[in-house]
Amino acid sequence: MVRRDKAARTVAAVHGSRPIVPDPDYELALSERLKGDYDREGLMELYGRFINADGRFDAMMRRVIWRALVRRCGHGLTISPGARFLHPETFEIGDGVFIGANCYLQGRFDGSFVIGNKVWIGPHSYLDARDLEIGDHVGWGPGAKVVGSEHTGLPADVPIIETDLEIRPVRIGEWSDIGANSTLLPGVTVGKASIVGAGAVVADDVAPFAIVAGVPARFIRWREGIK
């Protein structure tokens, strides 16, 4: 949630206003070559050589390898050092996406993960991406988490971790902003252009253009100029 006081200053947006530059042809060709020369396990092993370094070549190779692994990849993808993933073959990534340092994106072999255009995912975020869609121009605060599944807990006479896993779709509407260290629980929909406050735990749907905060998250007010 934005707080305004006398100490605040306003500066221009960086990621949101940056133009999307098409990736050079040689990068696209290298991705296709790697896809032909390596299987998925080989590409994952190759990624390990570049995952933590911070040089320009390492950043390019992370992008090249992700493009070879995912189902669809737009232009201008930035993958910061330490970003890890599971089942990237189920990912669809739009243009101009930023993935921060040490994020973990956990897909599932039969799942679906769609990231829209110009999405910014902050460092140390965790995304249970088994049935997850993030709309265009979403800001995902550092350390924020989404949980898309939970154990049924039935029957009660066995350990919960041994019970069936129920996967519920999570949908993040375009233009929305997910606050740092917040948590979204299975099955929620966050409406267009809404704001989830830092540290909130979202257990219910969030209306478009609403501001929610707290544990559990509650409606605070409509964004200025709405309703």
C-alpha atoms as a PDB file:
ATOM      1  CA  MET A   1       0.000   0.000   0.000  1.00  0.00           C
ATOM      2  CA  VAL A   2       1.380   3.414  -0.923  1.00  0.00           C
ATOM      3  CA  ARG A   3       2.002   5.749   2.016  1.00  0.00           C
ATOM      4  CA  ARG A   4       2.341   9.466   1.384  1.00  0.00           C
ATOM      5  CA  ASP A   5       4.097  11.749   3.839  1.00  0.00           C
ATOM      6  CA  LYS A   6       6.367  14.808   3.789  1.00  0.00           C
ATOM      7  CA  ALA A   7       9.511  12.657   3.518  1.00  0.00           C
ATOM      8  CA  ALA A   8       8.379  10.856   0.366  1.00  0.00           C
ATOM      9  CA  ARG A   9       9.685  11.700  -3.079  1.00  0.00           C
ATOM     10  CA  THR A  10       8.406  10.580  -6.458  1.00  0.00           C
ATOM     11  CA  VAL A  11      10.701   9.216  -9.166  1.00  0.00           C
ATOM     12  CA  ALA A  12       9.955   7.804 -12.584  1.00  0.00           C
ATOM     13  CA  ALA A  13       9.102   4.119 -12.955  1.00  0.00           C
ATOM     14  CA  VAL A  14      11.941   2.018 -14.357  1.00  0.00           C
ATOM     15  CA  HIS A  15      10.744  -1.469 -15.303  1.00  0.00           C
ATOM     16  CA  GLY A  16       7.233  -0.395 -16.221  1.00  0.00           C
ATOM     17  CA  SER A  17       8.374   2.287 -18.646  1.00  0.00           C
ATOM     18  CA  ARG A  18      11.332   0.479 -20.200  1.00  0.00           C
ATOM     19  CA  PRO A  19      10.750  -0.350 -23.885  1.00  0.00           C
ATOM     20  CA  ILE A  20      10.884  -3.986 -24.938  1.00  0.00           C
ATOM     21  CA  VAL A  21      13.812  -4.576 -27.275  1.00  0.00           C
ATOM     22  CA  PRO A  22      13.592  -7.729 -29.428  1.00  0.00           C
ATOM     23  CA  ASP A  23      16.194 -10.327 -28.561  1.00  0.00           C
ATOM     24  CA  PRO A  24      18.953 -10.573 -31.177  1.00  0.00           C
ATOM     25  CA  ASP A  25      18.731 -13.292 -33.803  1.00  0.00           C
ATOM     26  CA  TYR A  26      21.885 -15.003 -32.571  1.00  0.00           C
ATOM     27  CA  GLU A  27      20.278 -15.572 -29.152  1.00  0.00           C
ATOM     28  CA  LEU A  28      17.196 -17.097 -30.724  1.00  0.00           C
ATOM     29  CA  ALA A  29      19.370 -19.309 -32.908  1.00  0.00           C
ATOM     30  CA  LEU A  30      21.475 -20.418 -29.947  1.00  0.00           C
ATOM     31  CA  SER A  31      18.352 -21.398 -28.004  1.00  0.00           C
ATOM     32  CA  GLU A  32      17.155 -23.491 -30.922  1.00  0.00           C
ATOM     33  CA  ARG A  33      20.576 -25.128 -31.258  1.00  0.00           C
ATOM     34  CA  LEU A  34      20.707 -25.976 -27.556  1.00  0.00           C
ATOM     35  CA  LYS A  35      17.175 -27.348 -27.698  1.00  0.00           C
ATOM     36  CA  GLY A  36      18.296 -29.686 -30.475  1.00  0.00           C
ATOM     37  CA  ASP A  37      21.573 -30.724 -28.834  1.00  0.00           C
ATOM     38  CA  TYR A  38      20.419 -31.240 -25.230  1.00  0.00           C
ATOM     39  CA  ASP A  39      17.504 -32.954 -23.547  1.00  0.00           C
ATOM     40  CA  ARG A  40      15.770 -31.238 -20.616  1.00  0.00           C
ATOM     41  CA  GLU A  41      18.116 -32.721 -18.029  1.00  0.00           C
ATOM     42  CA  GLY A  42      21.123 -31.597 -20.052  1.00  0.00           C
ATOM     43  CA  LEU A  43      19.772 -28.061 -20.316  1.00  0.00           C
ATOM     44  CA  MET A  44      19.146 -27.959 -16.579  1.00  0.00           C
ATOM     45  CA  GLU A  45      22.718 -29.073 -15.936  1.00  0.00           C
ATOM     46  CA  LEU A  46      24.004 -26.440 -18.340  1.00  0.00           C
ATOM     47  CA  TYR A  47      21.941 -23.783 -16.578  1.00  0.00           C
ATOM     48  CA  GLY A  48      23.771 -24.629 -13.362  1.00  0.00           C
ATOM     49  CA  ARG A  49      26.978 -23.252 -14.860  1.00  0.00           C
ATOM     50  CA  PHE A  50      25.472 -19.779 -15.238  1.00  0.00           C
ATOM     51  CA  ILE A  51      22.889 -19.593 -12.459  1.00  0.00           C
ATOM     52  CA  ASN A  52      24.813 -17.573  -9.882  1.00  0.00           C
ATOM     53  CA  ALA A  53      27.200 -15.351 -11.842  1.00  0.00           C
ATOM     54  CA  ASP A  54      26.394 -11.704 -12.459  1.00  0.00           C
ATOM     55  CA  GLY A  55      28.167 -10.982 -15.759  1.00  0.00           C
ATOM     56  CA  ARG A  56      26.453  -9.976 -18.989  1.00  0.00           C
ATOM     57  CA  PHE A  57      27.347 -13.251 -20.683  1.00  0.00           C
ATOM     58  CA  ASP A  58      25.944 -15.263 -17.771  1.00  0.00           C
ATOM     59  CA  ALA A  59      22.717 -13.253 -17.866  1.00  0.00           C
ATOM     60  CA  MET A  60      22.416 -13.876 -21.594  1.00  0.00           C
ATOM     61  CA  MET A  61      22.990 -17.606 -21.149  1.00  0.00           C
ATOM     62  CA  ARG A  62      20.331 -17.819 -18.469  1.00  0.00           C
ATOM     63  CA  ARG A  63      17.878 -16.222 -20.884  1.00  0.00           C
ATOM     64  CA  VAL A  64      18.985 -18.463 -23.757  1.00  0.00           C
ATOM     65  CA  ILE A  65      18.587 -21.634 -21.689  1.00  0.00           C
ATOM     66  CA  TRP A  66      15.201 -20.608 -20.292  1.00  0.00           C
ATOM     67  CA  ARG A  67      14.002 -19.964 -23.833  1.00  0.00           C
ATOM     68  CA  ALA A  68      15.113 -23.479 -24.794  1.00  0.00           C
ATOM     69  CA  LEU A  69      13.293 -24.985 -21.809  1.00  0.00           C
ATOM     70  CA  VAL A  70       9.951 -23.179 -21.540  1.00  0.00           C
ATOM     71  CA  ARG A  71       6.813 -23.653 -23.608  1.00  0.00           C
ATOM     72  CA  ARG A  72       6.810 -20.042 -24.816  1.00  0.00           C
ATOM     73  CA  CYS A  73       9.173 -17.141 -24.157  1.00  0.00           C
ATOM     74  CA  GLY A  74       8.787 -13.510 -25.159  1.00  0.00           C
ATOM     75  CA  HIS A  75      11.496 -10.947 -25.748  1.00  0.00           C
ATOM     76  CA  GLY A  76      13.432  -9.038 -23.130  1.00  0.00           C
ATOM     77  CA  LEU A  77      13.385 -11.640 -20.347  1.00  0.00           C
ATOM     78  CA  THR A  78      15.693 -10.809 -17.427  1.00  0.00           C
ATOM     79  CA  ILE A  79      16.648 -13.621 -15.055  1.00  0.00           C
ATOM     80  CA  SER A  80      18.667 -12.516 -12.053  1.00  0.00           C
ATOM     81  CA  PRO A  81      21.318 -14.700 -10.384  1.00  0.00           C
ATOM     82  CA  GLY A  82      20.078 -17.581  -8.273  1.00  0.00           C
ATOM     83  CA  ALA A  83      16.647 -17.915  -9.920  1.00  0.00           C
ATOM     84  CA  ARG A  84      15.554 -21.566  -9.922  1.00  0.00           C
ATOM     85  CA  PHE A  85      12.597 -23.475 -11.304  1.00  0.00           C
ATOM     86  CA  LEU A  86      10.861 -26.834 -11.557  1.00  0.00           C
ATOM     87  CA  HIS A  87       9.136 -28.102 -14.713  1.00  0.00           C
ATOM     88  CA  PRO A  88       9.883 -25.034 -16.865  1.00  0.00           C
ATOM     89  CA  GLU A  89       8.403 -26.885 -19.845  1.00  0.00           C
ATOM     90  CA  THR A  90       4.979 -25.824 -18.483  1.00  0.00           C
ATOM     91  CA  PHE A  91       5.865 -22.083 -18.411  1.00  0.00           C
ATOM     92  CA  GLU A  92       4.606 -19.431 -20.837  1.00  0.00           C
ATOM     93  CA  ILE A  93       6.445 -16.133 -20.448  1.00  0.00           C
ATOM     94  CA  GLY A  94       5.455 -12.820 -22.014  1.00  0.00           C
ATOM     95  CA  ASP A  95       7.589  -9.891 -23.170  1.00  0.00           C
ATOM     96  CA  GLY A  96       9.690  -7.758 -20.846  1.00  0.00           C
ATOM     97  CA  VAL A  97       9.480 -10.029 -17.793  1.00  0.00           C
ATOM     98  CA  PHE A  98      11.886  -9.565 -14.866  1.00  0.00           C
ATOM     99  CA  ILE A  99      12.604 -12.409 -12.436  1.00  0.00           C
ATOM    100  CA  GLY A 100      14.531 -11.331  -9.349  1.00  0.00           C
ATOM    101  CA  ALA A 101      17.464 -12.914  -7.585  1.00  0.00           C
ATOM    102  CA  ASN A 102      16.946 -16.212  -5.749  1.00  0.00           C
ATOM    103  CA  CYS A 103      13.329 -16.680  -6.830  1.00  0.00           C
ATOM    104  CA  TYR A 104      11.923 -20.201  -6.981  1.00  0.00           C
ATOM    105  CA  LEU A 105       9.201 -21.016  -9.513  1.00  0.00           C
ATOM    106  CA  GLN A 106       7.736 -24.448  -8.808  1.00  0.00           C
ATOM    107  CA  GLY A 107       5.807 -25.842 -11.738  1.00  0.00           C
ATOM    108  CA  ARG A 108       4.281 -29.290 -12.060  1.00  0.00           C
ATOM    109  CA  PHE A 109       4.672 -31.798 -14.912  1.00  0.00           C
ATOM    110  CA  ASP A 110       0.970 -31.568 -15.784  1.00  0.00           C
ATOM    111  CA  GLY A 111       0.487 -27.965 -14.707  1.00  0.00           C
ATOM    112  CA  SER A 112       0.279 -24.533 -16.314  1.00  0.00           C
ATOM    113  CA  PHE A 113       2.102 -21.300 -15.491  1.00  0.00           C
ATOM    114  CA  VAL A 114       1.471 -18.142 -17.521  1.00  0.00           C
ATOM    115  CA  ILE A 115       3.343 -14.878 -16.931  1.00  0.00           C
ATOM    116  CA  GLY A 116       2.024 -11.847 -18.805  1.00  0.00           C
ATOM    117  CA  ASN A 117       3.925  -8.989 -20.392  1.00  0.00           C
ATOM    118  CA  LYS A 118       5.992  -6.555 -18.325  1.00  0.00           C
ATOM    119  CA  VAL A 119       5.661  -8.549 -15.093  1.00  0.00           C
ATOM    120  CA  TRP A 120       8.204  -7.773 -12.353  1.00  0.00           C
ATOM    121  CA  ILE A 121       8.872 -10.537  -9.815  1.00  0.00           C
ATOM    122  CA  GLY A 122      10.939  -9.371  -6.855  1.00  0.00           C
ATOM    123  CA  PRO A 123      13.892 -11.180  -5.270  1.00  0.00           C
ATOM    124  CA  HIS A 124      13.378 -14.178  -2.982  1.00  0.00           C
ATOM    125  CA  SER A 125       9.818 -14.790  -4.172  1.00  0.00           C
ATOM    126  CA  TYR A 126       8.265 -18.265  -4.147  1.00  0.00           C
ATOM    127  CA  LEU A 127       5.626 -19.167  -6.710  1.00  0.00           C
ATOM    128  CA  ASP A 128       3.713 -22.450  -6.515  1.00  0.00           C
ATOM    129  CA  ALA A 129       3.172 -22.390 -10.250  1.00  0.00           C
ATOM    130  CA  ARG A 130       1.148 -25.553 -10.801  1.00  0.00           C
ATOM    131  CA  ASP A 131      -1.966 -23.666 -11.975  1.00  0.00           C
ATOM    132  CA  LEU A 132      -1.018 -20.010 -11.922  1.00  0.00           C
ATOM    133  CA  GLU A 133      -1.676 -17.074 -14.212  1.00  0.00           C
ATOM    134  CA  ILE A 134      -0.146 -13.627 -13.711  1.00  0.00           C
ATOM    135  CA  GLY A 135      -1.621 -10.881 -15.883  1.00  0.00           C
ATOM    136  CA  ASP A 136       0.198  -8.117 -17.737  1.00  0.00           C
ATOM    137  CA  HIS A 137       2.038  -5.359 -15.860  1.00  0.00           C
ATOM    138  CA  VAL A 138       1.892  -7.020 -12.439  1.00  0.00           C
ATOM    139  CA  GLY A 139       4.361  -6.039  -9.719  1.00  0.00           C
ATOM    140  CA  TRP A 140       5.272  -8.904  -7.395  1.00  0.00           C
ATOM    141  CA  GLY A 141       6.998  -7.648  -4.248  1.00  0.00           C
ATOM    142  CA  PRO A 142      10.206  -9.153  -2.854  1.00  0.00           C
ATOM    143  CA  GLY A 143       9.640 -12.280  -0.806  1.00  0.00           C
ATOM    144  CA  ALA A 144       5.970 -12.593  -1.769  1.00  0.00           C
ATOM    145  CA  LYS A 145       4.586 -16.107  -2.067  1.00  0.00           C
ATOM    146  CA  VAL A 146       1.715 -17.885  -3.734  1.00  0.00           C
ATOM    147  CA  VAL A 147       0.563 -21.302  -2.572  1.00  0.00           C
ATOM    148  CA  GLY A 148      -1.537 -23.140  -5.131  1.00  0.00           C
ATOM    149  CA  SER A 149      -2.062 -26.451  -3.411  1.00  0.00           C
ATOM    150  CA  GLU A 150      -2.726 -28.067  -0.051  1.00  0.00           C
ATOM    151  CA  HIS A 151      -3.159 -31.543   1.359  1.00  0.00           C
ATOM    152  CA  THR A 152      -6.708 -32.720   2.007  1.00  0.00           C
ATOM    153  CA  GLY A 153      -5.798 -34.045   5.448  1.00  0.00           C
ATOM    154  CA  LEU A 154      -8.076 -37.034   4.871  1.00  0.00           C
ATOM    155  CA  PRO A 155      -8.195 -39.653   6.179  1.00  0.00           C
ATOM    156  CA  ALA A 156      -7.203 -38.287   9.572  1.00  0.00           C
ATOM    157  CA  ASP A 157      -5.455 -41.472  10.694  1.00  0.00           C
ATOM    158  CA  VAL A 158      -2.429 -40.955   8.421  1.00  0.00           C
ATOM    159  CA  PRO A 159       0.162 -38.154   8.321  1.00  0.00           C
ATOM    160  CA  ILE A 160      -1.211 -35.107   6.508  1.00  0.00           C
ATOM    161  CA  ILE A 161       1.751 -35.108   4.143  1.00  0.00           C
ATOM    162  CA  GLU A 162       0.638 -38.554   2.911  1.00  0.00           C
ATOM    163  CA  THR A 163      -2.882 -37.402   2.001  1.00  0.00           C
ATOM    164  CA  ASP A 164      -3.899 -36.298  -1.492  1.00  0.00           C
ATOM    165  CA  LEU A 165      -2.842 -32.902  -2.770  1.00  0.00           C
ATOM    166  CA  GLU A 166      -5.576 -30.548  -3.951  1.00  0.00           C
ATOM    167  CA  ILE A 167      -4.423 -28.020  -6.565  1.00  0.00           C
ATOM    168  CA  ARG A 168      -6.499 -24.862  -6.970  1.00  0.00           C
ATOM    169  CA  PRO A 169      -6.001 -22.221  -9.667  1.00  0.00           C
ATOM    170  CA  VAL A 170      -4.635 -18.840  -8.645  1.00  0.00           C
ATOM    171  CA  ARG A 171      -5.230 -15.843 -10.923  1.00  0.00           C
ATOM    172  CA  ILE A 172      -3.494 -12.476 -10.601  1.00  0.00           C
ATOM    173  CA  GLY A 173      -5.261  -9.754 -12.574  1.00  0.00           C
ATOM    174  CA  GLU A 174      -3.389  -7.331 -14.801  1.00  0.00           C
ATOM    175  CA  TRP A 175      -1.942  -4.130 -13.331  1.00  0.00           C
ATOM    176  CA  SER A 176      -2.170  -5.432  -9.774  1.00  0.00           C
ATOM    177  CA  ASP A 177       0.533  -4.992  -7.143  1.00  0.00           C
ATOM    178  CA  ILE A 178       1.434  -7.737  -4.673  1.00  0.00           C
ATOM    179  CA  GLY A 179       3.155  -6.388  -1.570  1.00  0.00           C
ATOM    180  CA  ALA A 180       6.475  -7.597  -0.201  1.00  0.00           C
ATOM    181  CA  ASN A 181       6.316 -10.772   1.922  1.00  0.00           C
ATOM    182  CA  SER A 182       2.615 -11.256   1.321  1.00  0.00           C
ATOM    183  CA  THR A 183       1.135 -14.739   0.848  1.00  0.00           C
ATOM    184  CA  LEU A 184      -1.644 -15.760  -1.536  1.00  0.00           C
ATOM    185  CA  LEU A 185      -3.445 -18.984  -0.652  1.00  0.00           C
ATOM    186  CA  PRO A 186      -4.849 -21.648  -3.014  1.00  0.00           C
ATOM    187  CA  GLY A 187      -7.794 -20.724  -5.211  1.00  0.00           C
ATOM    188  CA  VAL A 188      -7.737 -16.938  -4.859  1.00  0.00           C
ATOM    189  CA  THR A 189      -8.255 -14.416  -7.640  1.00  0.00           C
ATOM    190  CA  VAL A 190      -6.668 -10.995  -7.291  1.00  0.00           C
ATOM    191  CA  GLY A 191      -8.647  -8.510  -9.357  1.00  0.00           C
ATOM    192  CA  LYS A 192      -7.339  -6.059 -11.928  1.00  0.00           C
ATOM    193  CA  ALA A 193      -5.274  -3.124 -10.635  1.00  0.00           C
ATOM    194  CA  SER A 194      -5.743  -4.063  -6.991  1.00  0.00           C
ATOM    195  CA  ILE A 195      -3.134  -3.662  -4.235  1.00  0.00           C
ATOM    196  CA  VAL A 196      -2.208  -6.345  -1.702  1.00  0.00           C
ATOM    197  CA  GLY A 197      -0.444  -4.805   1.284  1.00  0.00           C
ATOM    198  CA  ALA A 198       2.962  -5.955   2.466  1.00  0.00           C
ATOM    199  CA  GLY A 199       2.808  -9.030   4.696  1.00  0.00           C
ATOM    200  CA  ALA A 200      -0.865  -9.711   3.969  1.00  0.00           C
ATOM    201  CA  VAL A 201      -2.263 -13.239   3.853  1.00  0.00           C
ATOM    202  CA  VAL A 202      -4.864 -13.422   1.091  1.00  0.00           C
ATOM    203  CA  ALA A 203      -7.400 -16.201   1.644  1.00  0.00           C
ATOM    204  CA  ASP A 204     -10.326 -14.732  -0.330  1.00  0.00           C
ATOM    205  CA  ASP A 205     -10.741 -13.092  -3.717  1.00  0.00           C
ATOM    206  CA  VAL A 206      -9.718  -9.445  -4.067  1.00  0.00           C
ATOM    207  CA  ALA A 207     -12.013  -7.148  -6.042  1.00  0.00           C
ATOM    208  CA  PRO A 208     -10.625  -5.103  -8.938  1.00  0.00           C
ATOM    209  CA  PHE A 209      -9.117  -1.756  -7.846  1.00  0.00           C
ATOM    210  CA  ALA A 210      -9.391  -2.687  -4.157  1.00  0.00           C
ATOM    211  CA  ILE A 211      -6.699  -2.287  -1.491  1.00  0.00           C
ATOM    212  CA  VAL A 212      -6.443  -5.136   1.019  1.00  0.00           C
ATOM    213  CA  ALA A 213      -4.081  -5.661   3.939  1.00  0.00           C
ATOM    214  CA  GLY A 214      -3.677  -7.653   7.138  1.00  0.00           C
ATOM    215  CA  VAL A 215      -3.756 -11.246   8.358  1.00  0.00           C
ATOM    216  CA  PRO A 216      -6.089 -12.419   7.022  1.00  0.00           C
ATOM    217  CA  ALA A 217      -6.292  -9.742   4.343  1.00  0.00           C
ATOM    218  CA  ARG A 218      -9.311  -7.421   4.655  1.00  0.00           C
ATOM    219  CA  PHE A 219     -10.699  -4.730   2.401  1.00  0.00           C
ATOM    220  CA  ILE A 220      -9.238  -1.344   3.347  1.00  0.00           C
ATOM    221  CA  ARG A 221     -10.577   0.974   0.670  1.00  0.00           C
ATOM    222  CA  TRP A 222     -10.903   1.489  -3.060  1.00  0.00           C
ATOM    223  CA  ARG A 223      -8.001   2.996  -4.905  1.00  0.00           C
ATOM    224  CA  GLU A 224      -8.217   6.751  -5.457  1.00  0.00           C
ATOM    225  CA  GLY A 225     -10.526   7.696  -8.298  1.00  0.00           C
ATOM    226  CA  ILE A 226     -12.468   4.399  -8.139  1.00  0.00           C
ATOM    227  CA  LYS A 227     -16.042   3.863  -6.935  1.00  0.00           C
END
